[in-house]
Amino acid sequence: MTSESNVKGVEWYLGAFALGAAAGIAVTLLTAPRTGRETREQLMRVARGMQATAEQASSAIQSATNTAVNAGRTAFEQVQEEAS
C-alpha cells in the first residue's frame, strides 16, 4: 500500500467517524428532555467542540500528507541516484 493511499484511508476513516459522531449527537439532542433554550445552548457547545476537533483533524491530515510527500520525494531521489 502506498503512502498516498494510506493518507486517503485515514481521511476516509476520520470523515466516517465525524459523520457518525454528528449523527449520534443529533439523535441524542433531539430526544433529550430539555427546553429549547437549553438544547440550543448545548448545540452551540457541541458545535464549538466539533470545530476544534475538525481543526485538529485538519492539522493532523496536513501533517500526514506532508510526511508522505517528503517520503515520496526521498524515495524518488534515491531511485534516481541508483539509476545514475
N, C-alpha and C. Protein backbone atom coordinates (compact mmCIF):
# COMPACT_ATOMS: atom_id res chain seq x y z
N MET A 1 0.85 -1.17 0.00
CA MET A 1 0.00 0.00 0.00
C MET A 1 0.90 1.24 0.00
N THR A 2 0.62 2.20 -0.82
CA THR A 2 1.44 3.40 -0.92
C THR A 2 1.09 4.40 0.17
N SER A 3 1.99 5.36 0.37
CA SER A 3 1.74 6.39 1.38
C SER A 3 0.51 7.20 1.04
N GLU A 4 0.31 7.47 -0.26
CA GLU A 4 -0.85 8.26 -0.67
C GLU A 4 -2.14 7.54 -0.34
N SER A 5 -2.20 6.24 -0.59
CA SER A 5 -3.43 5.51 -0.29
C SER A 5 -3.62 5.39 1.22
N ASN A 6 -2.53 5.35 2.00
CA ASN A 6 -2.65 5.35 3.46
C ASN A 6 -3.27 6.64 3.95
N VAL A 7 -2.84 7.77 3.38
CA VAL A 7 -3.39 9.07 3.79
C VAL A 7 -4.86 9.14 3.42
N LYS A 8 -5.22 8.67 2.22
CA LYS A 8 -6.63 8.69 1.81
C LYS A 8 -7.46 7.79 2.72
N GLY A 9 -6.90 6.67 3.14
CA GLY A 9 -7.61 5.78 4.06
C GLY A 9 -7.86 6.44 5.40
N VAL A 10 -6.88 7.16 5.90
CA VAL A 10 -7.02 7.88 7.17
C VAL A 10 -8.09 8.95 7.03
N GLU A 11 -8.07 9.69 5.92
CA GLU A 11 -9.07 10.72 5.68
C GLU A 11 -10.48 10.11 5.66
N TRP A 12 -10.63 8.96 5.01
CA TRP A 12 -11.94 8.31 4.92
C TRP A 12 -12.43 7.93 6.31
N TYR A 13 -11.56 7.31 7.12
CA TYR A 13 -11.97 6.90 8.45
C TYR A 13 -12.31 8.09 9.33
N LEU A 14 -11.52 9.17 9.24
CA LEU A 14 -11.82 10.37 10.02
C LEU A 14 -13.16 10.97 9.61
N GLY A 15 -13.41 11.00 8.31
CA GLY A 15 -14.69 11.53 7.82
C GLY A 15 -15.86 10.68 8.28
N ALA A 16 -15.71 9.36 8.20
CA ALA A 16 -16.77 8.46 8.63
C ALA A 16 -17.01 8.59 10.14
N PHE A 17 -15.93 8.72 10.89
CA PHE A 17 -16.06 8.89 12.33
C PHE A 17 -16.80 10.18 12.66
N ALA A 18 -16.41 11.27 12.01
CA ALA A 18 -17.05 12.57 12.26
C ALA A 18 -18.53 12.53 11.90
N LEU A 19 -18.86 11.91 10.77
CA LEU A 19 -20.25 11.80 10.36
C LEU A 19 -21.06 10.98 11.36
N GLY A 20 -20.51 9.88 11.81
CA GLY A 20 -21.19 9.05 12.80
C GLY A 20 -21.37 9.77 14.12
N ALA A 21 -20.34 10.50 14.53
CA ALA A 21 -20.44 11.26 15.78
C ALA A 21 -21.51 12.34 15.66
N ALA A 22 -21.55 13.03 14.54
CA ALA A 22 -22.56 14.08 14.34
C ALA A 22 -23.96 13.49 14.36
N ALA A 23 -24.15 12.35 13.73
CA ALA A 23 -25.47 11.71 13.71
C ALA A 23 -25.87 11.29 15.13
N GLY A 24 -24.94 10.73 15.87
CA GLY A 24 -25.24 10.33 17.25
C GLY A 24 -25.58 11.52 18.13
N ILE A 25 -24.85 12.59 17.96
CA ILE A 25 -25.12 13.80 18.74
C ILE A 25 -26.50 14.35 18.39
N ALA A 26 -26.82 14.39 17.10
CA ALA A 26 -28.11 14.93 16.67
C ALA A 26 -29.26 14.12 17.26
N VAL A 27 -29.18 12.81 17.21
CA VAL A 27 -30.24 11.96 17.76
C VAL A 27 -30.36 12.17 19.26
N THR A 28 -29.23 12.22 19.94
CA THR A 28 -29.25 12.42 21.39
C THR A 28 -29.89 13.75 21.77
N LEU A 29 -29.49 14.80 21.07
CA LEU A 29 -30.03 16.13 21.40
C LEU A 29 -31.52 16.24 21.08
N LEU A 30 -31.94 15.63 19.98
CA LEU A 30 -33.34 15.74 19.60
C LEU A 30 -34.28 14.94 20.50
N THR A 31 -33.76 13.92 21.14
CA THR A 31 -34.60 13.09 22.01
C THR A 31 -34.43 13.42 23.49
N ALA A 32 -33.57 14.39 23.81
CA ALA A 32 -33.32 14.75 25.20
C ALA A 32 -34.47 15.58 25.76
N PRO A 33 -34.82 15.35 27.02
CA PRO A 33 -35.91 16.11 27.65
C PRO A 33 -35.43 17.46 28.19
N ARG A 34 -35.14 18.40 27.29
CA ARG A 34 -34.69 19.73 27.67
C ARG A 34 -35.57 20.77 27.00
N THR A 35 -35.46 21.98 27.51
CA THR A 35 -36.16 23.08 26.86
C THR A 35 -35.42 23.47 25.59
N GLY A 36 -36.07 24.22 24.75
CA GLY A 36 -35.44 24.67 23.51
C GLY A 36 -34.19 25.48 23.76
N ARG A 37 -34.25 26.37 24.75
CA ARG A 37 -33.10 27.21 25.07
C ARG A 37 -31.91 26.36 25.53
N GLU A 38 -32.16 25.40 26.42
CA GLU A 38 -31.10 24.52 26.90
C GLU A 38 -30.50 23.71 25.75
N THR A 39 -31.35 23.22 24.86
CA THR A 39 -30.89 22.43 23.73
C THR A 39 -30.03 23.29 22.79
N ARG A 40 -30.47 24.53 22.52
CA ARG A 40 -29.68 25.42 21.65
C ARG A 40 -28.32 25.72 22.27
N GLU A 41 -28.30 25.96 23.57
CA GLU A 41 -27.03 26.22 24.25
C GLU A 41 -26.10 25.02 24.16
N GLN A 42 -26.68 23.84 24.35
CA GLN A 42 -25.87 22.63 24.26
C GLN A 42 -25.37 22.43 22.83
N LEU A 43 -26.23 22.69 21.86
CA LEU A 43 -25.81 22.58 20.46
C LEU A 43 -24.64 23.51 20.15
N MET A 44 -24.67 24.70 20.67
CA MET A 44 -23.57 25.65 20.45
C MET A 44 -22.28 25.13 21.08
N ARG A 45 -22.36 24.56 22.28
CA ARG A 45 -21.17 24.00 22.91
C ARG A 45 -20.62 22.84 22.08
N VAL A 46 -21.51 21.98 21.62
CA VAL A 46 -21.09 20.84 20.81
C VAL A 46 -20.48 21.31 19.50
N ALA A 47 -21.10 22.31 18.88
CA ALA A 47 -20.58 22.84 17.61
C ALA A 47 -19.18 23.41 17.79
N ARG A 48 -18.96 24.13 18.87
CA ARG A 48 -17.62 24.67 19.14
C ARG A 48 -16.61 23.55 19.33
N GLY A 49 -17.01 22.51 20.04
CA GLY A 49 -16.12 21.36 20.24
C GLY A 49 -15.82 20.64 18.94
N MET A 50 -16.85 20.51 18.09
CA MET A 50 -16.64 19.86 16.80
C MET A 50 -15.73 20.69 15.91
N GLN A 51 -15.86 22.01 16.00
CA GLN A 51 -15.00 22.88 15.21
C GLN A 51 -13.54 22.69 15.63
N ALA A 52 -13.30 22.63 16.93
CA ALA A 52 -11.94 22.43 17.42
C ALA A 52 -11.41 21.07 16.98
N THR A 53 -12.26 20.05 17.04
CA THR A 53 -11.85 18.71 16.61
C THR A 53 -11.55 18.68 15.12
N ALA A 54 -12.36 19.36 14.33
CA ALA A 54 -12.13 19.41 12.89
C ALA A 54 -10.83 20.13 12.57
N GLU A 55 -10.52 21.18 13.30
CA GLU A 55 -9.27 21.89 13.09
C GLU A 55 -8.08 21.00 13.43
N GLN A 56 -8.19 20.24 14.51
CA GLN A 56 -7.12 19.31 14.89
C GLN A 56 -6.95 18.22 13.85
N ALA A 57 -8.08 17.68 13.36
CA ALA A 57 -8.02 16.64 12.35
C ALA A 57 -7.40 17.19 11.06
N SER A 58 -7.76 18.40 10.71
CA SER A 58 -7.20 19.02 9.51
C SER A 58 -5.68 19.16 9.63
N SER A 59 -5.23 19.59 10.80
CA SER A 59 -3.79 19.73 11.03
C SER A 59 -3.10 18.37 10.95
N ALA A 60 -3.72 17.36 11.52
CA ALA A 60 -3.14 16.02 11.50
C ALA A 60 -3.06 15.48 10.07
N ILE A 61 -4.11 15.70 9.30
CA ILE A 61 -4.12 15.24 7.91
C ILE A 61 -3.07 15.98 7.10
N GLN A 62 -2.96 17.28 7.32
CA GLN A 62 -1.96 18.06 6.60
C GLN A 62 -0.55 17.59 6.95
N SER A 63 -0.32 17.31 8.21
CA SER A 63 0.98 16.81 8.65
C SER A 63 1.29 15.45 8.03
N ALA A 64 0.29 14.55 8.03
CA ALA A 64 0.48 13.23 7.43
C ALA A 64 0.74 13.34 5.93
N THR A 65 0.05 14.25 5.28
CA THR A 65 0.25 14.46 3.84
C THR A 65 1.65 14.96 3.58
N ASN A 66 2.11 15.93 4.35
CA ASN A 66 3.47 16.46 4.18
C ASN A 66 4.51 15.37 4.41
N THR A 67 4.29 14.54 5.41
CA THR A 67 5.21 13.43 5.69
C THR A 67 5.25 12.46 4.51
N ALA A 68 4.08 12.14 3.96
CA ALA A 68 4.02 11.22 2.82
C ALA A 68 4.69 11.82 1.59
N VAL A 69 4.47 13.10 1.35
CA VAL A 69 5.10 13.75 0.19
C VAL A 69 6.62 13.76 0.35
N ASN A 70 7.10 14.09 1.54
CA ASN A 70 8.55 14.10 1.77
C ASN A 70 9.15 12.70 1.62
N ALA A 71 8.44 11.69 2.10
CA ALA A 71 8.92 10.32 1.96
C ALA A 71 8.96 9.93 0.48
N GLY A 72 7.96 10.34 -0.27
CA GLY A 72 7.94 10.06 -1.70
C GLY A 72 9.08 10.74 -2.43
N ARG A 73 9.35 11.98 -2.09
CA ARG A 73 10.47 12.71 -2.71
C ARG A 73 11.79 12.03 -2.41
N THR A 74 11.96 11.64 -1.15
CA THR A 74 13.20 10.98 -0.75
C THR A 74 13.37 9.67 -1.52
N ALA A 75 12.32 8.88 -1.60
CA ALA A 75 12.39 7.61 -2.33
C ALA A 75 12.68 7.85 -3.80
N PHE A 76 12.06 8.86 -4.39
CA PHE A 76 12.30 9.18 -5.80
C PHE A 76 13.75 9.59 -6.02
N GLU A 77 14.28 10.42 -5.14
CA GLU A 77 15.68 10.85 -5.26
C GLU A 77 16.63 9.66 -5.12
N GLN A 78 16.31 8.74 -4.22
CA GLN A 78 17.17 7.56 -4.06
C GLN A 78 17.15 6.70 -5.31
N VAL A 79 15.98 6.53 -5.90
CA VAL A 79 15.87 5.74 -7.13
C VAL A 79 16.64 6.42 -8.26
N GLN A 80 16.56 7.72 -8.34
CA GLN A 80 17.29 8.46 -9.38
C GLN A 80 18.79 8.28 -9.20
N GLU A 81 19.27 8.36 -7.95
CA GLU A 81 20.70 8.20 -7.68
C GLU A 81 21.16 6.79 -8.04
N GLU A 82 20.35 5.80 -7.72
CA GLU A 82 20.74 4.41 -8.01
C GLU A 82 20.72 4.15 -9.51
N ALA A 83 19.84 4.82 -10.22
CA ALA A 83 19.75 4.63 -11.67
C ALA A 83 20.89 5.31 -12.40
N SER A 84 21.51 6.32 -11.78
CA SER A 84 22.60 7.07 -12.43
C SER A 84 23.89 6.32 -12.43
